[in-house]
């Protein structure tokens, strides 16, 4: 008998029909002889609706009360799912994050898991029950308060439980059949990948792919948890995310896929003094605002005028605060002006085989040139090349790159509902 942890996203449990469908899948897994632990997200857009409601009440909600509010969504879905399973004749018990032993630090809204003690979950399994755990939430021992793990926290909850319980695998269910070579919503001929390495999945997740949250992939890789990405709407076996350090690969495919991201803005600092320490001063101010910088480009100066321009990308959620901070520190930093672009998008090519295959960058840039795509910024890692362009051109850029590397499938991919989570 194996232990399987399953995570179902909001699109999978978006309504009563979806909850019953998920319940049947869980019961079928139990009938096959497996122990089952389930992590569930809030139904559909419940979390977004709760966030909107909070901001209607208070423009800047109290962090503690905000976490108390938004965690109610998962409590609704976990209870309904337990009811559905019980109606099918199987024992099921629902637990909040704190009841399941998800211990976190005290940071509201973006807490980190520091320990997992799933005593009650293990007791339920030992008694033959299916355990259902609310995703996205935890509990701080010192403050005794409920915390939330941030966006994608349900993925991380599932992986953390799988690691603590020493599960045989952790299945992440969404509304697509697995990890695709691109987002099927903008690249209809994207191919489902049977397998993808954890390092490739990290790059894809960090480059905008919504199938798995990057924190969950990092946690799984660190703890040796086998991930399987599947759809709750079909019986497709999905995609296995494997650890390349634990499996001998004769030869890796050159390219795993193409990811895109429309959640960033670009800030250009014009006329920054071209002297040691200027960039450090600039980015120290940015970091104090809690912004995660993605790409940075320093323009080459053709005139010896003692100044330079630096452009960087950051999440849209951080832009306003960073702009205000830089504006206030103009004299300290010594720049001439700020330029802001909120209509950009990033497209990334990812593949472990890039390490040993030459000509990848040439093919990428030729494909963009042929499609009439102008490149604004470029960033690379050992297994990734990212470009920034106009947001309107992102779908065409993704399709051009996808086709250029022979990633197109013979038929169009199936998307069942929702947003890929």
Protein backbone atom coordinates (compact mmCIF):
# COMPACT_ATOMS: atom_id res chain seq x y z
CA UNK A 1 0.00 0.00 0.00
CA UNK A 2 1.41 3.38 -0.99
CA UNK A 3 0.71 6.84 0.37
CA UNK A 4 -0.33 9.48 -2.15
CA UNK A 5 -0.78 13.18 -1.48
CA UNK A 6 -3.12 14.90 -3.93
CA UNK A 7 -3.57 18.65 -4.33
CA UNK A 8 -6.59 20.15 -6.11
CA UNK A 9 -6.63 23.77 -7.24
CA UNK A 10 -9.48 26.25 -7.25
CA UNK A 11 -10.56 25.46 -10.81
CA UNK A 12 -10.87 21.76 -9.93
CA UNK A 13 -13.25 22.49 -7.01
CA UNK A 14 -14.89 25.55 -8.51
CA UNK A 15 -18.47 24.39 -7.94
CA UNK A 16 -20.51 21.52 -6.50
CA UNK A 17 -20.09 19.42 -9.63
CA UNK A 18 -16.32 19.91 -9.50
CA UNK A 19 -16.20 18.93 -5.83
CA UNK A 20 -18.15 15.74 -6.54
CA UNK A 21 -15.85 14.93 -9.46
CA UNK A 22 -12.77 15.42 -7.29
CA UNK A 23 -14.33 13.35 -4.50
CA UNK A 24 -14.89 10.47 -6.92
CA UNK A 25 -11.25 10.61 -8.08
CA UNK A 26 -10.07 10.54 -4.45
CA UNK A 27 -12.36 7.61 -3.63
CA UNK A 28 -11.13 5.76 -6.74
CA UNK A 29 -7.55 6.22 -5.51
CA UNK A 30 -8.56 4.85 -2.11
CA UNK A 31 -10.28 1.88 -3.75
CA UNK A 32 -7.02 1.06 -5.53
CA UNK A 33 -5.54 0.37 -2.10
CA UNK A 34 -3.70 3.62 -1.45
CA UNK A 35 -3.70 5.82 1.61
CA UNK A 36 -4.73 9.32 0.52
CA UNK A 37 -4.05 12.79 1.88
CA UNK A 38 -5.63 15.70 0.03
CA UNK A 39 -4.69 19.37 0.01
CA UNK A 40 -7.35 21.66 -1.40
CA UNK A 41 -7.49 25.30 -2.47
CA UNK A 42 -10.44 27.64 -2.11
CA UNK A 43 -13.26 27.26 -4.64
CA UNK A 44 -12.81 29.16 -7.91
CA UNK A 45 -12.31 32.88 -7.33
CA UNK A 46 -13.18 32.77 -3.62
CA UNK A 47 -9.79 34.05 -2.45
CA UNK A 48 -9.83 36.93 -4.93
CA UNK A 49 -13.36 37.83 -3.85
CA UNK A 50 -12.32 37.85 -0.19
CA UNK A 51 -9.31 40.04 -0.98
CA UNK A 52 -11.53 42.51 -2.85
CA UNK A 53 -13.97 42.57 0.05
CA UNK A 54 -11.17 43.26 2.53
CA UNK A 55 -9.95 46.22 0.50
CA UNK A 56 -13.48 47.60 0.31
CA UNK A 57 -13.55 47.62 4.10
CA UNK A 58 -9.99 48.85 4.67
CA UNK A 59 -7.58 50.12 1.98
CA UNK A 60 -4.69 48.59 3.95
CA UNK A 61 -6.16 45.63 5.88
CA UNK A 62 -4.63 44.56 9.17
CA UNK A 63 -2.30 41.63 8.27
CA UNK A 64 -3.49 39.35 11.06
CA UNK A 65 -7.18 39.85 10.31
CA UNK A 66 -6.51 39.63 6.57
CA UNK A 67 -5.04 36.13 7.03
CA UNK A 68 -7.98 35.16 9.22
CA UNK A 69 -10.32 36.24 6.43
CA UNK A 70 -8.68 34.71 3.36
CA UNK A 71 -8.12 31.31 4.99
CA UNK A 72 -11.89 30.82 5.25
CA UNK A 73 -12.01 29.93 1.56
CA UNK A 74 -10.05 26.71 2.06
CA UNK A 75 -12.12 25.80 5.10
CA UNK A 76 -15.25 25.89 2.94
CA UNK A 77 -13.82 23.70 0.18
CA UNK A 78 -12.22 21.16 2.55
CA UNK A 79 -15.46 20.68 4.49
CA UNK A 80 -17.56 20.30 1.34
CA UNK A 81 -15.07 17.83 -0.11
CA UNK A 82 -15.16 15.76 3.09
CA UNK A 83 -18.97 15.76 2.94
CA UNK A 84 -18.88 14.57 -0.67
CA UNK A 85 -16.49 11.72 0.13
CA UNK A 86 -18.58 10.63 3.13
CA UNK A 87 -21.69 10.60 0.93
CA UNK A 88 -19.87 8.00 -1.20
CA UNK A 89 -19.42 5.73 1.80
CA UNK A 90 -15.83 6.53 2.75
CA UNK A 91 -14.52 8.15 5.92
CA UNK A 92 -12.97 11.59 5.40
CA UNK A 93 -11.77 14.17 7.90
CA UNK A 94 -10.92 17.78 7.14
CA UNK A 95 -8.21 19.76 8.92
CA UNK A 96 -7.10 23.37 8.88
CA UNK A 97 -3.43 24.08 8.38
CA UNK A 98 -2.88 24.47 12.11
CA UNK A 99 -4.75 21.23 12.90
CA UNK A 100 -2.58 19.43 10.34
CA UNK A 101 0.62 20.69 11.99
CA UNK A 102 1.76 23.23 9.37
CA UNK A 103 4.05 25.38 11.53
CA UNK A 104 5.29 28.63 9.99
CA UNK A 105 7.15 31.78 10.86
CA UNK A 106 5.12 34.81 11.95
CA UNK A 107 5.10 36.70 8.64
CA UNK A 108 1.49 37.28 7.66
CA UNK A 109 0.68 36.99 3.97
CA UNK A 110 3.92 35.27 2.95
CA UNK A 111 4.84 32.89 5.77
CA UNK A 112 7.51 30.21 5.45
CA UNK A 113 7.06 26.67 6.68
CA UNK A 114 9.49 25.92 9.52
CA UNK A 115 8.13 22.54 10.66
CA UNK A 116 5.44 20.01 9.79
CA UNK A 117 4.00 17.79 12.53
CA UNK A 118 1.01 16.02 10.92
CA UNK A 119 0.03 13.99 13.98
CA UNK A 120 -3.73 14.17 13.41
CA UNK A 121 -3.31 13.46 9.70
CA UNK A 122 -1.31 10.32 10.49
CA UNK A 123 -3.92 9.24 13.04
CA UNK A 124 -6.66 9.60 10.42
CA UNK A 125 -4.68 7.49 7.96
CA UNK A 126 -4.02 4.82 10.57
CA UNK A 127 -7.77 4.61 11.15
CA UNK A 128 -8.46 4.17 7.45
CA UNK A 129 -9.77 7.67 6.77
CA UNK A 130 -8.96 10.07 3.96
CA UNK A 131 -7.35 13.23 5.37
CA UNK A 132 -8.20 16.56 3.75
CA UNK A 133 -5.98 19.52 4.63
CA UNK A 134 -6.64 23.18 3.86
CA UNK A 135 -3.89 24.53 1.64
CA UNK A 136 -2.25 27.94 1.76
CA UNK A 137 -2.29 28.27 5.55
CA UNK A 138 -0.35 27.51 8.70
CA UNK A 139 0.12 28.45 12.32
CA UNK A 140 2.83 30.25 14.28
CA UNK A 141 3.74 28.70 17.62
CA UNK A 142 4.86 31.95 19.24
CA UNK A 143 1.98 34.25 18.28
CA UNK A 144 -0.63 31.45 18.15
CA UNK A 145 -1.95 33.16 15.00
CA UNK A 146 -3.11 31.79 11.66
CA UNK A 147 -0.74 32.61 8.79
CA UNK A 148 -0.90 32.29 5.01
CA UNK A 149 1.84 31.08 2.67
CA UNK A 150 1.17 33.50 -0.18
CA UNK A 151 0.06 32.76 -3.72
CA UNK A 152 0.66 29.16 -4.71
CA UNK A 153 0.75 28.18 -1.06
CA UNK A 154 -1.49 25.16 -1.57
CA UNK A 155 1.15 23.56 -3.81
CA UNK A 156 3.72 24.11 -1.08
CA UNK A 157 1.36 22.71 1.57
CA UNK A 158 0.92 19.51 -0.44
CA UNK A 159 4.66 19.04 -0.98
CA UNK A 160 5.44 19.76 2.68
CA UNK A 161 2.89 17.16 3.80
CA UNK A 162 4.25 14.64 1.30
CA UNK A 163 7.76 15.15 2.67
CA UNK A 164 6.70 14.93 6.32
CA UNK A 165 4.57 11.82 5.73
CA UNK A 166 7.19 10.24 3.44
CA UNK A 167 4.58 9.85 0.72
CA UNK A 168 5.37 7.84 -2.39
CA UNK A 169 4.38 10.75 -4.59
CA UNK A 170 2.63 14.11 -4.59
CA UNK A 171 0.08 14.64 -7.35
CA UNK A 172 -0.75 18.25 -8.27
CA UNK A 173 -4.10 18.51 -10.08
CA UNK A 174 -5.19 21.49 -12.17
CA UNK A 175 -7.16 22.08 -15.36
CA UNK A 176 -4.51 20.92 -17.87
CA UNK A 177 -3.17 17.42 -18.48
CA UNK A 178 0.32 18.12 -17.18
CA UNK A 179 3.30 20.34 -17.90
CA UNK A 180 3.23 21.58 -21.47
CA UNK A 181 5.97 22.90 -23.71
CA UNK A 182 4.13 26.26 -23.58
CA UNK A 183 0.85 27.66 -22.28
CA UNK A 184 -1.81 25.97 -24.47
CA UNK A 185 -3.94 29.11 -24.19
CA UNK A 186 -1.51 31.09 -26.34
CA UNK A 187 0.34 28.24 -28.11
CA UNK A 188 -2.46 25.85 -29.16
CA UNK A 189 -0.02 23.21 -30.46
CA UNK A 190 1.92 22.98 -27.21
CA UNK A 191 2.94 19.39 -26.38
CA UNK A 192 2.46 17.71 -23.04
CA UNK A 193 5.77 16.64 -21.54
CA UNK A 194 5.86 13.12 -20.08
CA UNK A 195 8.83 14.08 -17.91
CA UNK A 196 10.62 17.28 -16.96
CA UNK A 197 13.57 17.76 -14.63
CA UNK A 198 13.14 19.68 -11.40
CA UNK A 199 15.72 22.25 -12.50
CA UNK A 200 13.79 22.86 -15.74
CA UNK A 201 10.55 23.09 -13.76
CA UNK A 202 12.17 25.66 -11.46
CA UNK A 203 13.12 27.81 -14.45
CA UNK A 204 9.68 27.42 -16.05
CA UNK A 205 7.92 28.31 -12.79
CA UNK A 206 10.21 31.28 -12.25
CA UNK A 207 9.59 32.46 -15.81
CA UNK A 208 5.81 32.64 -15.59
CA UNK A 209 4.48 29.09 -15.91
CA UNK A 210 1.46 28.79 -13.61
CA UNK A 211 1.28 25.01 -13.40
CA UNK A 212 3.49 24.70 -10.32
CA UNK A 213 4.55 27.31 -7.80
CA UNK A 214 8.32 27.80 -7.61
CA UNK A 215 8.40 27.39 -3.81
CA UNK A 216 6.72 24.01 -4.13
CA UNK A 217 9.23 22.85 -6.75
CA UNK A 218 12.14 24.02 -4.59
CA UNK A 219 10.71 22.22 -1.56
CA UNK A 220 10.13 19.01 -3.53
CA UNK A 221 13.64 19.02 -4.94
CA UNK A 222 15.20 19.67 -1.55
CA UNK A 223 13.15 16.97 0.21
CA UNK A 224 13.25 14.39 -2.58
CA UNK A 225 9.49 14.42 -3.21
CA UNK A 226 8.34 12.98 -6.54
CA UNK A 227 5.84 15.33 -8.21
CA UNK A 228 3.22 14.33 -10.77
CA UNK A 229 1.26 17.08 -12.51
CA UNK A 230 -2.18 15.95 -13.72
CA UNK A 231 -5.64 17.21 -14.69
CA UNK A 232 -8.65 16.64 -12.48
CA UNK A 233 -10.78 16.66 -15.64
CA UNK A 234 -9.20 13.65 -17.40
CA UNK A 235 -7.45 10.32 -16.80
CA UNK A 236 -4.22 11.39 -18.52
CA UNK A 237 -1.17 10.16 -16.53
CA UNK A 238 0.28 13.67 -16.51
CA UNK A 239 3.90 14.79 -16.20
CA UNK A 240 6.51 13.46 -13.79
CA UNK A 241 8.88 16.07 -12.33
CA UNK A 242 12.08 14.15 -11.59
CA UNK A 243 15.31 15.01 -9.81
CA UNK A 244 18.12 14.77 -12.39
CA UNK A 245 20.62 14.03 -9.62
CA UNK A 246 18.77 10.83 -8.74
CA UNK A 247 18.23 9.48 -12.25
CA UNK A 248 20.81 8.64 -14.91
CA UNK A 249 19.79 10.40 -18.09
CA UNK A 250 21.61 9.16 -21.19
CA UNK A 251 20.96 12.42 -22.99
CA UNK A 252 18.59 15.25 -22.15
CA UNK A 253 16.36 16.94 -24.71
CA UNK A 254 17.71 20.33 -25.74
CA UNK A 255 14.54 22.28 -24.95
CA UNK A 256 11.81 21.59 -22.40
CA UNK A 257 9.51 24.48 -23.19
CA UNK A 258 8.61 28.14 -23.48
CA UNK A 259 7.14 30.20 -20.63
CA UNK A 260 5.71 33.70 -20.61
CA UNK A 261 5.06 36.28 -17.92
CA UNK A 262 2.85 39.39 -18.11
CA UNK A 263 3.06 40.27 -14.43
CA UNK A 264 6.06 42.59 -14.56
CA UNK A 265 6.82 46.27 -15.19
CA UNK A 266 10.04 47.97 -16.26
CA UNK A 267 11.70 50.96 -14.61
CA UNK A 268 14.57 52.81 -16.30
CA UNK A 269 16.77 55.07 -14.21
CA UNK A 270 18.15 57.67 -16.62
CA UNK A 271 21.33 59.63 -16.00
CA UNK A 272 22.68 57.63 -13.07
CA UNK A 273 26.23 58.68 -12.10
CA UNK A 274 28.63 56.18 -13.69
CA UNK A 275 30.76 55.74 -10.59
CA UNK A 276 31.34 52.85 -8.16
CA UNK A 277 28.55 52.57 -5.62
CA UNK A 278 25.77 54.22 -7.61
CA UNK A 279 24.07 50.95 -8.55
CA UNK A 280 24.44 49.68 -4.98
CA UNK A 281 22.70 52.78 -3.64
CA UNK A 282 19.94 52.43 -6.22
CA UNK A 283 19.17 48.77 -5.57
CA UNK A 284 19.49 49.12 -1.82
CA UNK A 285 16.54 51.52 -1.97
CA UNK A 286 14.64 49.09 -4.20
CA UNK A 287 15.32 46.14 -1.88
CA UNK A 288 14.06 48.11 1.12
CA UNK A 289 10.64 48.12 -0.56
CA UNK A 290 10.59 44.32 -0.62
CA UNK A 291 10.64 44.16 -4.42
CA UNK A 292 12.07 41.12 -6.20
CA UNK A 293 14.14 42.31 -9.14
CA UNK A 294 14.17 39.97 -12.11
CA UNK A 295 16.19 41.37 -15.03
CA UNK A 296 18.75 44.20 -14.98
CA UNK A 297 20.36 45.90 -17.97
CA UNK A 298 22.92 48.72 -17.88
CA UNK A 299 23.05 50.62 -21.12
CA UNK A 300 26.40 51.07 -22.85
CA UNK A 301 27.26 54.75 -23.04
CA UNK A 302 28.52 56.10 -26.34
CA UNK A 303 29.49 59.44 -24.84
CA UNK A 304 31.93 59.94 -22.00
CA UNK A 305 29.54 62.12 -20.00
CA UNK A 306 29.91 60.32 -16.67
CA UNK A 307 26.36 58.97 -16.51
CA UNK A 308 24.61 55.74 -17.47
CA UNK A 309 21.09 54.29 -17.67
CA UNK A 310 19.94 51.18 -15.80
CA UNK A 311 16.71 49.33 -16.55
CA UNK A 312 15.19 46.60 -14.39
CA UNK A 313 12.00 44.58 -14.23
CA UNK A 314 9.94 43.90 -11.12
CA UNK A 315 6.48 42.60 -10.17
CA UNK A 316 3.60 44.94 -10.96
CA UNK A 317 2.55 44.71 -7.33
CA UNK A 318 5.80 46.42 -6.28
CA UNK A 319 6.06 49.12 -8.94
CA UNK A 320 4.13 51.93 -7.28
CA UNK A 321 5.99 51.63 -3.99
CA UNK A 322 9.40 51.44 -5.68
CA UNK A 323 8.67 54.46 -7.89
CA UNK A 324 7.67 56.51 -4.85
CA UNK A 325 10.81 55.47 -2.97
CA UNK A 326 13.10 56.30 -5.88
CA UNK A 327 11.39 59.62 -6.44
CA UNK A 328 11.94 60.54 -2.80
CA UNK A 329 15.60 59.49 -3.03
CA UNK A 330 16.40 61.32 -6.28
CA UNK A 331 18.99 63.58 -4.66
CA UNK A 332 20.63 60.67 -2.83
CA UNK A 333 20.86 58.48 -5.93
CA UNK A 334 21.70 61.36 -8.24
CA UNK A 335 19.80 60.27 -11.34
CA UNK A 336 18.18 62.61 -13.88
CA UNK A 337 14.76 60.99 -14.45
CA UNK A 338 12.69 57.82 -14.12
CA UNK A 339 10.91 56.11 -17.01
CA UNK A 340 8.17 53.59 -16.40
CA UNK A 341 6.75 50.95 -18.75
CA UNK A 342 3.79 48.88 -17.56
CA UNK A 343 3.15 47.21 -20.91
CA UNK A 344 5.92 44.64 -21.17
CA UNK A 345 6.05 40.85 -21.19
CA UNK A 346 8.75 38.25 -20.75
CA UNK A 347 9.19 35.12 -22.86
CA UNK A 348 11.65 32.44 -21.72
CA UNK A 349 13.13 29.39 -23.42
CA UNK A 350 14.09 26.62 -20.98
CA UNK A 351 16.03 23.40 -21.44
CA UNK A 352 18.74 21.43 -19.65
CA UNK A 353 20.25 20.48 -23.00
CA UNK A 354 21.28 24.09 -23.61
CA UNK A 355 24.48 23.31 -21.70
CA UNK A 356 25.84 21.12 -24.49
CA UNK A 357 24.04 22.36 -27.61
CA UNK A 358 25.36 25.32 -29.56
CA UNK A 359 23.21 27.56 -31.72
CA UNK A 360 20.26 27.81 -29.35
CA UNK A 361 20.49 31.59 -28.99
CA UNK A 362 20.93 32.01 -32.75
CA UNK A 363 17.76 30.03 -33.46
CA UNK A 364 15.83 31.98 -30.83
CA UNK A 365 16.83 35.43 -32.08
CA UNK A 366 16.31 34.48 -35.73
CA UNK A 367 12.79 33.26 -34.95
CA UNK A 368 11.95 36.54 -33.23
CA UNK A 369 13.42 38.56 -36.06
CA UNK A 370 11.38 36.66 -38.65
CA UNK A 371 8.24 37.33 -36.60
CA UNK A 372 9.01 41.05 -36.38
CA UNK A 373 9.49 40.95 -32.61
CA UNK A 374 11.69 43.71 -31.18
CA UNK A 375 13.71 42.72 -28.10
CA UNK A 376 13.97 45.19 -25.24
CA UNK A 377 15.99 43.20 -22.68
CA UNK A 378 17.82 39.85 -22.54
CA UNK A 379 18.72 37.65 -19.58
CA UNK A 380 20.30 34.19 -19.48
CA UNK A 381 21.13 31.35 -17.11
CA UNK A 382 22.77 28.01 -17.78
CA UNK A 383 19.48 26.49 -18.99
CA UNK A 384 17.32 29.54 -19.80
CA UNK A 385 17.18 32.51 -22.16
CA UNK A 386 14.62 35.25 -21.41
CA UNK A 387 13.65 38.25 -23.49
CA UNK A 388 11.43 41.23 -22.72
CA UNK A 389 9.24 42.76 -25.39
CA UNK A 390 5.98 44.67 -25.78
CA UNK A 391 3.16 42.88 -23.95
CA UNK A 392 1.01 42.74 -27.09
CA UNK A 393 3.74 40.76 -28.87
CA UNK A 394 4.19 38.08 -26.20
CA UNK A 395 1.76 35.50 -27.70
CA UNK A 396 3.33 35.81 -31.15
CA UNK A 397 6.85 35.64 -29.68
CA UNK A 398 6.00 32.49 -27.73
CA UNK A 399 4.50 30.82 -30.79
CA UNK A 400 7.48 31.78 -32.97
CA UNK A 401 10.05 30.40 -30.51
CA UNK A 402 7.97 27.27 -29.90
CA UNK A 403 7.77 26.49 -33.62
CA UNK A 404 11.44 27.32 -34.28
CA UNK A 405 12.59 24.64 -31.84
CA UNK A 406 10.23 21.99 -33.20
CA UNK A 407 8.08 21.89 -30.10
CA UNK A 408 4.71 22.06 -31.89
CA UNK A 409 2.53 18.99 -31.47
CA UNK A 410 0.39 17.40 -34.18
CA UNK A 411 -2.87 18.53 -32.62
CA UNK A 412 -4.11 21.29 -30.36
CA UNK A 413 -3.80 20.84 -26.61
CA UNK A 414 -6.93 20.47 -24.48
CA UNK A 415 -7.65 23.01 -21.75
CA UNK A 416 -10.63 22.09 -19.60
CA UNK A 417 -11.31 25.25 -17.57
CA UNK A 418 -9.79 27.98 -15.48
CA UNK A 419 -6.28 29.38 -15.57
CA UNK A 420 -3.99 26.40 -15.33
CA UNK A 421 -4.03 26.10 -11.53
